[in-house]
């Protein structure tokens, strides 16, 4: 009987132990489940934060589109270059990254190059790159007439920039009003080396002498160059040989036309036009072109009223006092914005009051400068 009671007590003790152990395990399992649920919620929370941050980063990060631009200068054209650069950078889209290649020689002083870099720091520090190339000694012996030797430097672009497939070349007497991506993204037709506007003021004697098609003679001041195709066909050497073998009153422009006339694509005047003071003049000049290459009236209107690029061609320079075209005001608008306004006034002997009076003639809606009008005037 005693043994039976002891066994019963022992069994009860074991049962009690098992119950406590079971209860302990149950409580721990419940805690584990609760902790697991909390961990899952915490994980989901942090994952959501990471996803949101990733979306915000992608939304705010800029995917740049590289656009290569070339400009030729000497020390006499530093201020026009500064004004051109100001207009380029002020009107650049935030998604465009301008890689600007400036071709120059020993005449351009270091302080002038520093001024150009200051424009970059002011208007496009994080989305513009400027590189300088000294071509001193290149094209020695080429006929310069009234053009500086630096005018020939654009011919060297294919070999100078072997990794670049295409580039926009701009003379320093041009002005920009819109982002250049629209021009840069123009597709070249088969075997085309150059896309440029027709030249209104042809040198007839040279055209006849070199057998250039009179109604397909382009102006080399604004060009989209197919460097890849030019390199492939050895066109740079052909142009160089032509330059050194002839006297050219229009410098490299005639050489480019003579060598490439079968491989030129015409750029519509809606993209780039002369800074003429009346639409009627533009229509008259356009009517003299080959009907195949003429711009339509709607393209002319777009080019005249909302151009991407202006060209102050030949003697019609806005920094010359004798140039009376009212469209010089737009050049001075960007000159004032450049950070070198007083220096530019002094360099070209302009009275500040005269220019300020000129700037006030811009229409209240800003005209071509509508988007930036309130920033300055």
Protein backbone atom coordinates (compact mmCIF):
# COMPACT_ATOMS: atom_id res chain seq x y z
CA UNK A 1 0.00 0.00 0.00
CA UNK A 2 2.87 2.28 0.89
CA UNK A 3 4.52 1.52 -2.43
CA UNK A 4 1.33 2.23 -4.30
CA UNK A 5 0.96 5.64 -2.62
CA UNK A 6 4.55 6.49 -3.39
CA UNK A 7 4.05 5.50 -7.03
CA UNK A 8 0.88 7.63 -7.22
CA UNK A 9 2.65 10.63 -5.73
CA UNK A 10 5.56 10.15 -8.13
CA UNK A 11 3.19 9.93 -11.10
CA UNK A 12 1.44 13.09 -9.97
CA UNK A 13 4.81 14.76 -9.63
CA UNK A 14 5.78 13.69 -13.17
CA UNK A 15 2.45 14.81 -14.51
CA UNK A 16 2.88 18.17 -12.83
CA UNK A 17 6.37 18.45 -14.31
CA UNK A 18 5.09 17.53 -17.77
CA UNK A 19 2.33 20.11 -17.43
CA UNK A 20 4.79 22.82 -16.41
CA UNK A 21 7.12 21.84 -19.23
CA UNK A 22 4.24 21.83 -21.71
CA UNK A 23 3.08 25.20 -20.44
CA UNK A 24 6.62 26.52 -20.67
CA UNK A 25 7.01 25.28 -24.21
CA UNK A 26 3.63 26.67 -25.16
CA UNK A 27 4.47 30.10 -23.76
CA UNK A 28 7.86 30.14 -25.48
CA UNK A 29 6.31 29.02 -28.76
CA UNK A 30 3.73 31.77 -28.43
CA UNK A 31 6.48 34.29 -27.77
CA UNK A 32 8.37 32.99 -30.78
CA UNK A 33 5.27 33.32 -32.92
CA UNK A 34 4.64 36.83 -31.64
CA UNK A 35 8.29 37.78 -32.24
CA UNK A 36 8.23 36.22 -35.72
CA UNK A 37 5.15 38.26 -36.61
CA UNK A 38 6.75 41.41 -35.29
CA UNK A 39 9.91 40.66 -37.25
CA UNK A 40 7.91 40.14 -40.41
CA UNK A 41 6.11 43.44 -39.94
CA UNK A 42 9.41 45.17 -39.23
CA UNK A 43 10.96 43.60 -42.33
CA UNK A 44 7.99 44.67 -44.49
CA UNK A 45 8.20 48.19 -43.05
CA UNK A 46 11.91 48.60 -43.83
CA UNK A 47 11.49 47.00 -47.26
CA UNK A 48 8.73 49.50 -48.05
CA UNK A 49 11.01 52.36 -46.97
CA UNK A 50 13.77 51.08 -49.26
CA UNK A 51 11.38 50.74 -52.20
CA UNK A 52 10.06 54.28 -51.66
CA UNK A 53 13.61 55.67 -51.39
CA UNK A 54 14.64 53.85 -54.56
CA UNK A 55 11.66 55.28 -56.44
CA UNK A 56 12.47 58.80 -55.20
CA UNK A 57 16.15 58.44 -56.16
CA UNK A 58 15.24 57.26 -59.65
CA UNK A 59 12.70 60.03 -60.02
CA UNK A 60 15.13 62.73 -58.96
CA UNK A 61 18.23 61.34 -60.64
CA UNK A 62 18.94 62.70 -64.14
CA UNK A 63 19.75 60.44 -67.02
CA UNK A 64 21.93 62.70 -69.11
CA UNK A 65 21.97 62.71 -72.90
CA UNK A 66 25.47 63.57 -74.11
CA UNK A 67 25.61 66.25 -76.81
CA UNK A 68 28.98 67.08 -78.35
CA UNK A 69 29.51 70.69 -79.48
CA UNK A 70 32.58 72.23 -81.13
CA UNK A 71 33.53 75.91 -81.36
CA UNK A 72 36.63 77.48 -82.97
CA UNK A 73 38.10 80.65 -81.48
CA UNK A 74 41.13 82.88 -81.29
CA UNK A 75 41.70 85.63 -78.77
CA UNK A 76 39.63 88.10 -80.81
CA UNK A 77 36.54 85.92 -80.52
CA UNK A 78 36.61 85.14 -76.80
CA UNK A 79 33.72 87.48 -75.92
CA UNK A 80 31.45 86.25 -78.76
CA UNK A 81 32.27 82.74 -77.55
CA UNK A 82 31.29 83.72 -73.99
CA UNK A 83 27.95 85.11 -75.19
CA UNK A 84 27.29 82.00 -77.30
CA UNK A 85 28.13 79.73 -74.35
CA UNK A 86 25.82 81.72 -72.08
CA UNK A 87 22.93 81.28 -74.52
CA UNK A 88 23.71 77.55 -74.85
CA UNK A 89 23.83 76.88 -71.12
CA UNK A 90 20.87 79.06 -70.14
CA UNK A 91 18.65 77.26 -72.67
CA UNK A 92 19.99 73.74 -72.08
CA UNK A 93 17.52 71.12 -70.87
CA UNK A 94 18.32 69.55 -67.50
CA UNK A 95 18.59 66.10 -69.11
CA UNK A 96 21.24 67.21 -71.61
CA UNK A 97 24.95 67.00 -70.84
CA UNK A 98 26.92 69.33 -73.10
CA UNK A 99 30.46 68.21 -73.96
CA UNK A 100 31.96 71.34 -75.47
CA UNK A 101 35.19 71.15 -77.46
CA UNK A 102 36.86 74.52 -78.01
CA UNK A 103 39.49 74.65 -80.75
CA UNK A 104 42.03 77.42 -80.41
CA UNK A 105 45.71 78.37 -80.72
CA UNK A 106 48.46 80.28 -78.92
CA UNK A 107 46.74 83.62 -79.54
CA UNK A 108 44.14 82.79 -76.89
CA UNK A 109 45.49 83.83 -73.50
CA UNK A 110 45.06 81.82 -70.32
CA UNK A 111 42.96 84.51 -68.68
CA UNK A 112 40.58 84.31 -71.67
CA UNK A 113 40.24 80.55 -71.21
CA UNK A 114 39.56 81.16 -67.51
CA UNK A 115 36.71 83.50 -68.43
CA UNK A 116 35.17 80.80 -70.61
CA UNK A 117 35.44 78.33 -67.74
CA UNK A 118 33.76 80.84 -65.45
CA UNK A 119 30.68 80.81 -67.72
CA UNK A 120 30.57 77.04 -67.30
CA UNK A 121 30.85 77.33 -63.51
CA UNK A 122 28.06 79.93 -63.45
CA UNK A 123 25.50 78.26 -65.70
CA UNK A 124 26.32 74.58 -66.06
CA UNK A 125 28.72 73.35 -63.42
CA UNK A 126 27.34 69.81 -63.12
CA UNK A 127 26.03 69.18 -66.63
CA UNK A 128 28.66 70.76 -68.87
CA UNK A 129 32.19 69.77 -69.73
CA UNK A 130 34.58 72.08 -71.58
CA UNK A 131 37.83 70.94 -73.15
CA UNK A 132 40.36 73.13 -74.95
CA UNK A 133 42.47 71.96 -77.90
CA UNK A 134 45.49 73.96 -79.04
CA UNK A 135 45.88 73.55 -82.83
CA UNK A 136 48.73 76.02 -83.18
CA UNK A 137 50.63 75.28 -86.41
CA UNK A 138 47.86 73.27 -88.03
CA UNK A 139 46.69 74.50 -91.47
CA UNK A 140 49.80 76.64 -91.90
CA UNK A 141 49.86 77.85 -95.48
CA UNK A 142 46.08 77.77 -95.94
CA UNK A 143 44.61 80.88 -97.61
CA UNK A 144 43.07 83.06 -94.92
CA UNK A 145 41.79 86.04 -96.98
CA UNK A 146 39.73 87.88 -94.31
CA UNK A 147 39.11 84.72 -92.21
CA UNK A 148 41.31 83.81 -89.23
CA UNK A 149 43.29 80.56 -89.43
CA UNK A 150 41.13 79.21 -86.60
CA UNK A 151 38.22 79.01 -89.06
CA UNK A 152 39.88 75.91 -90.54
CA UNK A 153 40.12 74.04 -87.24
CA UNK A 154 36.67 72.40 -87.56
CA UNK A 155 38.12 70.33 -90.42
CA UNK A 156 40.34 68.55 -87.86
CA UNK A 157 37.43 67.33 -85.70
CA UNK A 158 37.23 63.74 -87.08
CA UNK A 159 40.84 62.93 -86.14
CA UNK A 160 40.89 65.19 -83.08
CA UNK A 161 37.91 63.36 -81.51
CA UNK A 162 38.29 59.72 -82.60
CA UNK A 163 35.75 58.45 -80.04
CA UNK A 164 32.99 60.88 -81.04
CA UNK A 165 30.56 59.76 -83.77
CA UNK A 166 28.79 63.07 -84.37
CA UNK A 167 29.07 66.66 -83.25
CA UNK A 168 27.38 70.04 -83.68
CA UNK A 169 29.78 72.70 -84.90
CA UNK A 170 28.93 76.36 -84.17
CA UNK A 171 30.62 79.57 -85.28
CA UNK A 172 31.07 82.17 -82.53
CA UNK A 173 28.67 84.53 -84.32
CA UNK A 174 25.73 82.23 -83.57
CA UNK A 175 23.20 82.39 -80.74
CA UNK A 176 21.12 79.64 -79.16
CA UNK A 177 17.50 79.78 -77.96
CA UNK A 178 16.56 76.15 -77.26
CA UNK A 179 18.13 72.88 -76.20
CA UNK A 180 20.22 71.36 -79.01
CA UNK A 181 18.97 67.78 -78.62
CA UNK A 182 16.45 68.20 -81.45
CA UNK A 183 19.23 69.01 -83.92
CA UNK A 184 21.68 66.52 -82.42
CA UNK A 185 19.16 63.68 -82.79
CA UNK A 186 18.56 64.27 -86.50
CA UNK A 187 19.19 60.98 -88.31
CA UNK A 188 21.73 61.00 -91.11
CA UNK A 189 20.58 59.51 -94.38
CA UNK A 190 22.78 56.89 -96.03
CA UNK A 191 26.40 58.05 -96.56
CA UNK A 192 25.73 61.65 -95.54
CA UNK A 193 28.66 63.48 -93.95
CA UNK A 194 27.11 66.82 -93.06
CA UNK A 195 23.71 68.27 -92.22
CA UNK A 196 23.64 72.06 -92.64
CA UNK A 197 21.52 74.95 -93.93
CA UNK A 198 21.86 76.32 -97.45
CA UNK A 199 24.01 79.40 -97.86
CA UNK A 200 22.13 82.37 -99.31
CA UNK A 201 25.21 84.41 -100.15
CA UNK A 202 27.18 82.13 -102.43
CA UNK A 203 30.51 83.06 -103.96
CA UNK A 204 29.47 82.39 -107.56
CA UNK A 205 32.98 82.36 -109.02
CA UNK A 206 34.14 79.68 -106.58
CA UNK A 207 31.00 77.61 -107.12
CA UNK A 208 31.55 77.60 -110.88
CA UNK A 209 35.29 77.07 -110.59
CA UNK A 210 35.03 73.98 -108.40
CA UNK A 211 31.90 72.45 -109.90
CA UNK A 212 29.81 72.76 -106.74
CA UNK A 213 26.07 72.44 -107.18
CA UNK A 214 24.92 76.10 -106.89
CA UNK A 215 21.69 75.20 -105.12
CA UNK A 216 23.26 72.82 -102.66
CA UNK A 217 26.01 75.06 -101.30
CA UNK A 218 25.83 74.98 -97.51
CA UNK A 219 26.93 77.42 -94.84
CA UNK A 220 29.56 75.85 -92.57
CA UNK A 221 28.79 78.09 -89.57
CA UNK A 222 26.20 75.67 -88.19
CA UNK A 223 26.73 71.99 -88.98
CA UNK A 224 25.85 68.57 -87.64
CA UNK A 225 28.86 66.46 -88.60
CA UNK A 226 28.81 62.69 -89.09
CA UNK A 227 32.35 62.14 -87.81
CA UNK A 228 32.07 58.37 -87.94
CA UNK A 229 31.28 58.34 -91.67
CA UNK A 230 33.81 61.10 -92.41
CA UNK A 231 36.56 59.04 -90.75
CA UNK A 232 35.45 55.86 -92.51
CA UNK A 233 35.76 57.45 -95.96
CA UNK A 234 38.93 59.48 -95.27
CA UNK A 235 37.16 62.78 -95.96
CA UNK A 236 39.27 64.89 -93.60
CA UNK A 237 42.41 64.24 -95.66
CA UNK A 238 40.56 65.07 -98.89
CA UNK A 239 39.40 68.40 -97.46
CA UNK A 240 42.89 69.18 -96.15
CA UNK A 241 44.42 68.40 -99.57
CA UNK A 242 41.82 70.64 -101.23
CA UNK A 243 42.55 73.50 -98.82
CA UNK A 244 46.30 73.37 -99.44
CA UNK A 245 45.83 73.04 -103.20
CA UNK A 246 43.63 76.10 -103.79
CA UNK A 247 43.19 79.75 -102.90
CA UNK A 248 39.81 79.95 -101.17
CA UNK A 249 38.04 83.25 -100.52
CA UNK A 250 35.53 81.47 -98.27
CA UNK A 251 38.17 79.41 -96.49
CA UNK A 252 37.20 75.87 -95.51
CA UNK A 253 33.51 76.43 -96.37
CA UNK A 254 34.24 76.10 -100.09
CA UNK A 255 36.54 73.12 -99.49
CA UNK A 256 33.84 71.35 -97.47
CA UNK A 257 31.26 71.98 -100.20
CA UNK A 258 33.59 70.92 -103.00
CA UNK A 259 34.61 67.62 -101.38
CA UNK A 260 31.29 66.68 -99.77
CA UNK A 261 28.68 68.09 -102.20
CA UNK A 262 27.27 64.63 -103.01
CA UNK A 263 26.99 63.74 -99.33
CA UNK A 264 25.32 66.79 -97.83
CA UNK A 265 21.96 66.65 -96.05
CA UNK A 266 20.03 69.93 -95.94
CA UNK A 267 19.06 71.26 -92.53
CA UNK A 268 15.70 73.06 -92.48
CA UNK A 269 15.64 76.76 -91.63
CA UNK A 270 13.22 75.91 -88.85
CA UNK A 271 16.26 74.80 -86.84
CA UNK A 272 18.76 77.48 -87.76
CA UNK A 273 18.35 80.72 -89.64
CA UNK A 274 20.03 84.02 -90.36
CA UNK A 275 19.36 86.86 -87.94
CA UNK A 276 17.50 88.89 -90.56
CA UNK A 277 15.35 91.81 -89.49
CA UNK A 278 12.34 90.91 -91.66
CA UNK A 279 10.54 87.72 -92.57
CA UNK A 280 10.10 89.02 -96.13
CA UNK A 281 13.90 89.00 -96.64
CA UNK A 282 14.04 85.38 -95.53
CA UNK A 283 11.24 84.39 -97.92
CA UNK A 284 12.96 86.23 -100.78
CA UNK A 285 16.31 84.53 -100.16
CA UNK A 286 14.69 81.13 -99.75
CA UNK A 287 12.83 81.50 -103.07
CA UNK A 288 16.17 81.64 -104.87
CA UNK A 289 17.07 78.13 -103.71
CA UNK A 290 16.55 74.90 -105.61
CA UNK A 291 12.88 73.87 -105.07
CA UNK A 292 14.10 70.44 -103.92
CA UNK A 293 15.92 71.95 -100.95
CA UNK A 294 13.78 74.97 -100.13
CA UNK A 295 12.20 75.21 -96.71
CA UNK A 296 8.41 75.49 -96.64
CA UNK A 297 6.83 78.77 -95.57
CA UNK A 298 5.75 77.20 -92.26
CA UNK A 299 9.36 76.12 -91.63
CA UNK A 300 10.56 79.62 -92.43
CA UNK A 301 8.04 81.11 -90.01
CA UNK A 302 9.11 78.70 -87.29
CA UNK A 303 12.77 79.47 -87.95
CA UNK A 304 12.18 83.22 -87.95
CA UNK A 305 9.92 83.35 -84.88
CA UNK A 306 11.16 80.43 -82.78
CA UNK A 307 14.62 79.38 -83.99
CA UNK A 308 16.88 76.99 -82.17
CA UNK A 309 19.89 78.84 -83.55
CA UNK A 310 20.54 82.30 -84.98
CA UNK A 311 23.50 83.04 -87.25
CA UNK A 312 24.77 86.63 -87.41
CA UNK A 313 26.35 85.87 -90.77
CA UNK A 314 29.12 87.71 -92.67
CA UNK A 315 29.40 91.38 -91.65
CA UNK A 316 26.16 91.39 -89.67
CA UNK A 317 27.80 91.10 -86.26
CA UNK A 318 25.77 92.37 -83.28
CA UNK A 319 28.90 93.70 -81.60
CA UNK A 320 29.52 96.07 -84.53
CA UNK A 321 27.99 99.53 -84.26
CA UNK A 322 27.27 99.75 -87.98
CA UNK A 323 24.99 96.69 -87.76
CA UNK A 324 21.50 98.20 -87.33
CA UNK A 325 19.36 95.04 -87.39
CA UNK A 326 17.08 95.14 -84.33
CA UNK A 327 17.80 91.46 -83.71
CA UNK A 328 21.20 92.37 -82.32
CA UNK A 329 19.31 93.03 -79.07
CA UNK A 330 19.13 89.29 -78.38
CA UNK A 331 22.91 88.99 -78.48
CA UNK A 332 23.23 91.83 -75.99
CA UNK A 333 20.59 90.20 -73.79
CA UNK A 334 22.91 87.22 -73.29
CA UNK A 335 25.96 89.48 -73.10
CA UNK A 336 24.37 91.17 -70.11
CA UNK A 337 23.61 87.84 -68.53
CA UNK A 338 27.12 86.42 -69.12
CA UNK A 339 28.87 88.01 -66.15
CA UNK A 340 31.18 89.99 -68.44
CA UNK A 341 28.74 92.67 -69.54
CA UNK A 342 30.92 95.70 -68.76
CA UNK A 343 33.99 94.10 -70.30
CA UNK A 344 32.05 93.38 -73.49
CA UNK A 345 30.73 96.96 -73.62
CA UNK A 346 34.27 98.27 -73.22
CA UNK A 347 35.74 95.84 -75.76
CA UNK A 348 33.35 96.95 -78.51
CA UNK A 349 33.13 100.62 -77.45
CA UNK A 350 29.41 100.57 -76.76
CA UNK A 351 27.72 103.05 -74.47
CA UNK A 352 25.88 101.26 -71.68
CA UNK A 353 22.91 103.62 -71.83
CA UNK A 354 22.51 102.87 -75.54
CA UNK A 355 22.44 99.10 -74.94
CA UNK A 356 20.07 99.44 -71.98
CA UNK A 357 17.74 101.46 -74.20
CA UNK A 358 18.04 98.77 -76.85
CA UNK A 359 17.19 96.03 -74.35
CA UNK A 360 14.04 97.86 -73.33
CA UNK A 361 12.78 97.48 -76.90
CA UNK A 362 12.25 93.76 -76.32
CA UNK A 363 8.45 93.20 -76.32
CA UNK A 364 6.77 92.79 -72.96
CA UNK A 365 6.14 89.11 -73.66
CA UNK A 366 9.87 88.69 -74.29
CA UNK A 367 9.57 87.76 -77.96
CA UNK A 368 12.15 85.05 -78.61
CA UNK A 369 13.25 85.36 -75.00
CA UNK A 370 9.82 84.75 -73.50
CA UNK A 371 11.02 81.94 -71.24
CA UNK A 372 13.88 83.97 -69.74
CA UNK A 373 12.55 87.51 -70.07
CA UNK A 374 11.77 88.14 -66.41
CA UNK A 375 15.18 86.92 -65.29
CA UNK A 376 16.92 89.95 -66.71
CA UNK A 377 14.67 92.85 -67.68
